[in-house]
């Protein structure tokens, strides 16, 4: 289910929406390895404290943010308050069936 932070701007909400869509499409692609989907689901479920201000260079996430923003990024903040990160991981989590990966 799509969810925004209350303080996000319209631009941030649009980034979330597009990354959410990209994450769902990536998760539903039959060529996407199930281990990769599980990795992203684990990121979605992780507490932000586990990341300690980390940047993620996971290619599908970076590609989605790059495509959506039109800016070549090399990493994305690993925080659930970042619309690119949260949109992608929410999209992946919601893009798989509830009985997949123990959800």
N, C-alpha and C. Protein backbone atom coordinates (compact mmCIF):
# COMPACT_ATOMS: atom_id res chain seq x y z
N UNK A 1 0.84 -1.17 0.00
CA UNK A 1 0.00 0.00 0.00
C UNK A 1 0.89 1.24 0.00
N UNK A 2 0.61 2.15 -0.87
CA UNK A 2 1.39 3.37 -0.95
C UNK A 2 1.21 4.20 0.32
N UNK A 3 2.31 4.74 0.83
CA UNK A 3 2.21 5.58 2.03
C UNK A 3 3.24 6.69 1.95
N UNK A 4 2.78 7.90 2.23
CA UNK A 4 3.64 9.08 2.18
C UNK A 4 3.96 9.56 3.60
N UNK A 5 5.06 10.29 3.74
CA UNK A 5 5.29 11.06 4.95
C UNK A 5 4.43 12.31 4.84
N UNK A 6 3.86 12.73 5.94
CA UNK A 6 2.98 13.90 5.92
C UNK A 6 3.70 15.17 5.47
N UNK A 7 4.99 15.26 5.72
CA UNK A 7 5.72 16.49 5.39
C UNK A 7 6.37 16.47 4.01
N UNK A 8 6.12 15.44 3.19
CA UNK A 8 6.69 15.40 1.85
C UNK A 8 6.03 16.42 0.94
N UNK A 9 6.84 16.98 0.05
CA UNK A 9 6.32 17.89 -0.96
C UNK A 9 5.66 17.08 -2.08
N UNK A 10 5.01 17.76 -2.98
CA UNK A 10 4.40 17.07 -4.13
C UNK A 10 5.47 16.39 -4.99
N UNK A 11 6.63 17.01 -5.10
CA UNK A 11 7.72 16.42 -5.86
C UNK A 11 8.20 15.13 -5.21
N UNK A 12 8.32 15.12 -3.90
CA UNK A 12 8.74 13.91 -3.19
C UNK A 12 7.67 12.82 -3.32
N UNK A 13 6.42 13.21 -3.27
CA UNK A 13 5.34 12.23 -3.44
C UNK A 13 5.35 11.64 -4.84
N UNK A 14 5.65 12.46 -5.83
CA UNK A 14 5.74 11.96 -7.21
C UNK A 14 6.92 11.01 -7.35
N UNK A 15 8.05 11.32 -6.72
CA UNK A 15 9.20 10.43 -6.73
C UNK A 15 8.84 9.10 -6.09
N UNK A 16 8.16 9.15 -4.95
CA UNK A 16 7.73 7.92 -4.28
C UNK A 16 6.84 7.11 -5.22
N UNK A 17 5.85 7.76 -5.82
CA UNK A 17 4.91 7.05 -6.70
C UNK A 17 5.62 6.34 -7.84
N UNK A 18 6.54 7.03 -8.50
CA UNK A 18 7.24 6.44 -9.63
C UNK A 18 8.18 5.32 -9.20
N UNK A 19 8.86 5.49 -8.07
CA UNK A 19 9.74 4.43 -7.58
C UNK A 19 8.91 3.25 -7.08
N UNK A 20 7.75 3.52 -6.52
CA UNK A 20 6.84 2.45 -6.09
C UNK A 20 6.43 1.60 -7.29
N UNK A 21 6.06 2.28 -8.36
CA UNK A 21 5.67 1.58 -9.59
C UNK A 21 6.83 0.76 -10.13
N UNK A 22 8.03 1.37 -10.16
CA UNK A 22 9.22 0.67 -10.66
C UNK A 22 9.55 -0.54 -9.79
N UNK A 23 9.43 -0.41 -8.50
CA UNK A 23 9.70 -1.53 -7.60
C UNK A 23 8.73 -2.67 -7.80
N UNK A 24 7.46 -2.35 -7.97
CA UNK A 24 6.46 -3.39 -8.22
C UNK A 24 6.70 -4.11 -9.52
N UNK A 25 7.01 -3.35 -10.56
CA UNK A 25 7.28 -3.97 -11.86
C UNK A 25 8.52 -4.86 -11.80
N UNK A 26 9.55 -4.40 -11.10
CA UNK A 26 10.78 -5.18 -10.98
C UNK A 26 10.50 -6.48 -10.23
N UNK A 27 9.73 -6.40 -9.14
CA UNK A 27 9.43 -7.59 -8.35
C UNK A 27 8.59 -8.60 -9.12
N UNK A 28 7.71 -8.11 -9.98
CA UNK A 28 6.82 -8.99 -10.74
C UNK A 28 7.47 -9.56 -11.99
N UNK A 29 8.62 -9.03 -12.38
CA UNK A 29 9.32 -9.50 -13.58
C UNK A 29 9.81 -10.93 -13.35
N UNK A 30 9.42 -11.87 -14.19
CA UNK A 30 9.85 -13.26 -13.98
C UNK A 30 11.36 -13.46 -14.09
N UNK A 31 12.07 -12.52 -14.69
CA UNK A 31 13.53 -12.62 -14.79
C UNK A 31 14.26 -12.12 -13.54
N UNK A 32 13.51 -11.50 -12.61
CA UNK A 32 14.13 -11.02 -11.37
C UNK A 32 14.34 -12.21 -10.43
N UNK A 33 15.58 -12.46 -10.02
CA UNK A 33 15.86 -13.58 -9.12
C UNK A 33 15.13 -13.42 -7.78
N UNK A 34 14.59 -14.51 -7.28
CA UNK A 34 13.85 -14.45 -6.02
C UNK A 34 14.74 -14.03 -4.85
N UNK A 35 16.03 -14.35 -4.90
CA UNK A 35 16.94 -13.91 -3.84
C UNK A 35 17.07 -12.39 -3.83
N UNK A 36 17.05 -11.77 -4.99
CA UNK A 36 17.11 -10.31 -5.08
C UNK A 36 15.84 -9.68 -4.50
N UNK A 37 14.70 -10.27 -4.83
CA UNK A 37 13.43 -9.77 -4.28
C UNK A 37 13.45 -9.89 -2.76
N UNK A 38 13.92 -11.03 -2.26
CA UNK A 38 13.99 -11.22 -0.82
C UNK A 38 14.92 -10.19 -0.17
N UNK A 39 16.02 -9.87 -0.82
CA UNK A 39 16.95 -8.86 -0.31
C UNK A 39 16.25 -7.51 -0.13
N UNK A 40 15.48 -7.11 -1.13
CA UNK A 40 14.80 -5.82 -1.07
C UNK A 40 13.69 -5.86 -0.02
N UNK A 41 13.00 -6.98 0.11
CA UNK A 41 11.98 -7.10 1.15
C UNK A 41 12.63 -6.97 2.53
N UNK A 42 13.80 -7.55 2.70
CA UNK A 42 14.52 -7.40 3.96
C UNK A 42 14.87 -5.95 4.23
N UNK A 43 15.26 -5.22 3.19
CA UNK A 43 15.52 -3.79 3.35
C UNK A 43 14.25 -3.04 3.76
N UNK A 44 13.14 -3.42 3.16
CA UNK A 44 11.86 -2.76 3.48
C UNK A 44 11.46 -2.99 4.92
N UNK A 45 11.78 -4.16 5.44
CA UNK A 45 11.38 -4.52 6.80
C UNK A 45 12.38 -4.05 7.86
N UNK A 46 13.58 -3.66 7.45
CA UNK A 46 14.62 -3.27 8.40
C UNK A 46 14.29 -1.93 9.06
N UNK A 47 14.74 -1.81 10.28
CA UNK A 47 14.61 -0.57 11.04
C UNK A 47 15.67 0.41 10.54
N UNK A 48 15.32 1.68 10.44
CA UNK A 48 16.28 2.68 9.96
C UNK A 48 17.55 2.71 10.81
N UNK A 49 17.45 2.38 12.09
CA UNK A 49 18.64 2.36 12.94
C UNK A 49 19.67 1.35 12.45
N UNK A 50 19.22 0.31 11.76
CA UNK A 50 20.13 -0.71 11.25
C UNK A 50 21.01 -0.17 10.12
N UNK A 51 20.57 0.89 9.48
CA UNK A 51 21.31 1.44 8.35
C UNK A 51 22.37 2.45 8.76
N UNK A 52 22.19 3.11 9.87
CA UNK A 52 23.10 4.15 10.37
C UNK A 52 23.59 5.08 9.26
N UNK A 53 22.65 5.77 8.65
CA UNK A 53 22.94 6.77 7.61
C UNK A 53 23.68 6.20 6.41
N UNK A 54 23.43 4.95 6.09
CA UNK A 54 24.08 4.31 4.95
C UNK A 54 23.46 4.77 3.64
N UNK A 55 24.24 4.65 2.60
CA UNK A 55 23.78 4.86 1.24
C UNK A 55 23.79 3.50 0.57
N UNK A 56 22.76 3.21 -0.21
CA UNK A 56 22.66 1.92 -0.89
C UNK A 56 22.94 2.12 -2.37
N UNK A 57 23.79 1.25 -2.90
CA UNK A 57 24.09 1.31 -4.33
C UNK A 57 23.51 0.10 -5.06
N UNK A 58 22.45 -0.47 -4.51
CA UNK A 58 21.82 -1.64 -5.11
C UNK A 58 21.29 -1.27 -6.50
N UNK A 59 21.79 -1.92 -7.55
CA UNK A 59 21.50 -1.48 -8.92
C UNK A 59 20.02 -1.27 -9.28
N UNK A 60 19.10 -2.18 -8.96
CA UNK A 60 17.71 -1.92 -9.35
C UNK A 60 17.13 -0.66 -8.70
N UNK A 61 17.50 -0.41 -7.45
CA UNK A 61 17.03 0.79 -6.75
C UNK A 61 17.65 2.04 -7.35
N UNK A 62 18.96 2.03 -7.55
CA UNK A 62 19.65 3.18 -8.14
C UNK A 62 19.13 3.46 -9.55
N UNK A 63 18.92 2.40 -10.33
CA UNK A 63 18.38 2.57 -11.69
C UNK A 63 17.00 3.21 -11.66
N UNK A 64 16.15 2.78 -10.71
CA UNK A 64 14.80 3.34 -10.63
C UNK A 64 14.84 4.82 -10.29
N UNK A 65 15.64 5.20 -9.31
CA UNK A 65 15.74 6.61 -8.92
C UNK A 65 16.34 7.43 -10.05
N UNK A 66 17.36 6.89 -10.72
CA UNK A 66 17.97 7.60 -11.85
C UNK A 66 16.95 7.82 -12.95
N UNK A 67 16.19 6.79 -13.28
CA UNK A 67 15.19 6.90 -14.34
C UNK A 67 14.10 7.91 -13.97
N UNK A 68 13.65 7.86 -12.76
CA UNK A 68 12.56 8.74 -12.33
C UNK A 68 13.01 10.19 -12.27
N UNK A 69 14.19 10.44 -11.70
CA UNK A 69 14.64 11.81 -11.51
C UNK A 69 15.33 12.40 -12.73
N UNK A 70 15.84 11.53 -13.60
CA UNK A 70 16.61 12.03 -14.74
C UNK A 70 18.01 12.47 -14.34
N UNK A 71 18.39 12.18 -13.10
CA UNK A 71 19.71 12.52 -12.59
C UNK A 71 20.47 11.23 -12.34
N UNK A 72 21.70 11.16 -12.82
CA UNK A 72 22.50 9.96 -12.64
C UNK A 72 22.95 9.88 -11.19
N UNK A 73 22.33 8.99 -10.41
CA UNK A 73 22.72 8.81 -9.02
C UNK A 73 23.51 7.51 -8.90
N UNK A 74 24.40 7.48 -7.93
CA UNK A 74 25.20 6.28 -7.70
C UNK A 74 24.80 5.54 -6.43
N UNK A 75 24.01 6.22 -5.59
CA UNK A 75 23.51 5.58 -4.37
C UNK A 75 22.26 6.33 -3.91
N UNK A 76 21.53 5.69 -3.02
CA UNK A 76 20.28 6.24 -2.49
C UNK A 76 20.35 6.12 -0.97
N UNK A 77 19.92 7.16 -0.23
CA UNK A 77 19.93 7.05 1.23
C UNK A 77 19.06 5.88 1.68
N UNK A 78 19.59 5.06 2.57
CA UNK A 78 18.87 3.91 3.09
C UNK A 78 18.05 4.36 4.30
N UNK A 79 16.97 5.07 4.00
CA UNK A 79 16.09 5.57 5.06
C UNK A 79 14.66 5.51 4.56
N UNK A 80 13.78 5.14 5.44
CA UNK A 80 12.38 5.05 5.07
C UNK A 80 11.73 6.42 4.89
N UNK A 81 12.42 7.49 5.28
CA UNK A 81 11.87 8.82 5.01
C UNK A 81 12.36 9.38 3.68
N UNK A 82 13.21 8.62 2.98
CA UNK A 82 13.64 8.99 1.63
C UNK A 82 12.60 8.45 0.64
N UNK A 83 11.98 9.32 -0.16
CA UNK A 83 10.90 8.85 -1.03
C UNK A 83 11.34 7.85 -2.10
N UNK A 84 12.56 7.94 -2.60
CA UNK A 84 13.03 6.99 -3.60
C UNK A 84 13.20 5.61 -3.00
N UNK A 85 13.90 5.55 -1.87
CA UNK A 85 14.13 4.27 -1.19
C UNK A 85 12.79 3.66 -0.77
N UNK A 86 12.00 4.44 -0.06
CA UNK A 86 10.74 3.89 0.46
C UNK A 86 9.78 3.51 -0.64
N UNK A 87 9.71 4.32 -1.69
CA UNK A 87 8.83 3.98 -2.80
C UNK A 87 9.21 2.66 -3.44
N UNK A 88 10.50 2.48 -3.69
CA UNK A 88 10.95 1.25 -4.35
C UNK A 88 10.70 0.03 -3.46
N UNK A 89 11.12 0.09 -2.20
CA UNK A 89 10.97 -1.09 -1.35
C UNK A 89 9.50 -1.38 -1.05
N UNK A 90 8.67 -0.34 -0.90
CA UNK A 90 7.23 -0.57 -0.71
C UNK A 90 6.63 -1.21 -1.95
N UNK A 91 7.05 -0.74 -3.13
CA UNK A 91 6.56 -1.31 -4.38
C UNK A 91 6.93 -2.77 -4.53
N UNK A 92 8.16 -3.11 -4.15
CA UNK A 92 8.60 -4.51 -4.22
C UNK A 92 7.79 -5.35 -3.25
N UNK A 93 7.70 -4.89 -2.03
CA UNK A 93 6.97 -5.65 -1.01
C UNK A 93 5.51 -5.86 -1.42
N UNK A 94 4.89 -4.83 -1.95
CA UNK A 94 3.49 -4.93 -2.36
C UNK A 94 3.33 -5.64 -3.69
N UNK A 95 4.42 -5.75 -4.46
CA UNK A 95 4.34 -6.37 -5.78
C UNK A 95 4.39 -7.88 -5.75
N UNK A 96 4.70 -8.46 -4.60
CA UNK A 96 4.73 -9.92 -4.49
C UNK A 96 3.51 -10.39 -3.71
N UNK A 97 3.11 -11.61 -3.96
CA UNK A 97 1.96 -12.17 -3.26
C UNK A 97 2.26 -12.30 -1.77
N UNK A 98 1.21 -12.20 -0.95
CA UNK A 98 1.38 -12.27 0.49
C UNK A 98 1.98 -13.58 0.97
N UNK A 99 1.79 -14.64 0.22
CA UNK A 99 2.32 -15.93 0.65
C UNK A 99 3.75 -16.16 0.17
N UNK A 100 4.32 -15.18 -0.50
CA UNK A 100 5.69 -15.29 -0.98
C UNK A 100 6.64 -14.74 0.09
N UNK A 101 7.74 -15.44 0.29
CA UNK A 101 8.80 -14.97 1.18
C UNK A 101 8.33 -14.78 2.62
N UNK A 102 7.28 -15.46 3.03
CA UNK A 102 6.85 -15.39 4.41
C UNK A 102 6.21 -14.09 4.82
N UNK A 103 5.70 -13.33 3.89
CA UNK A 103 5.04 -12.06 4.23
C UNK A 103 3.71 -12.30 4.89
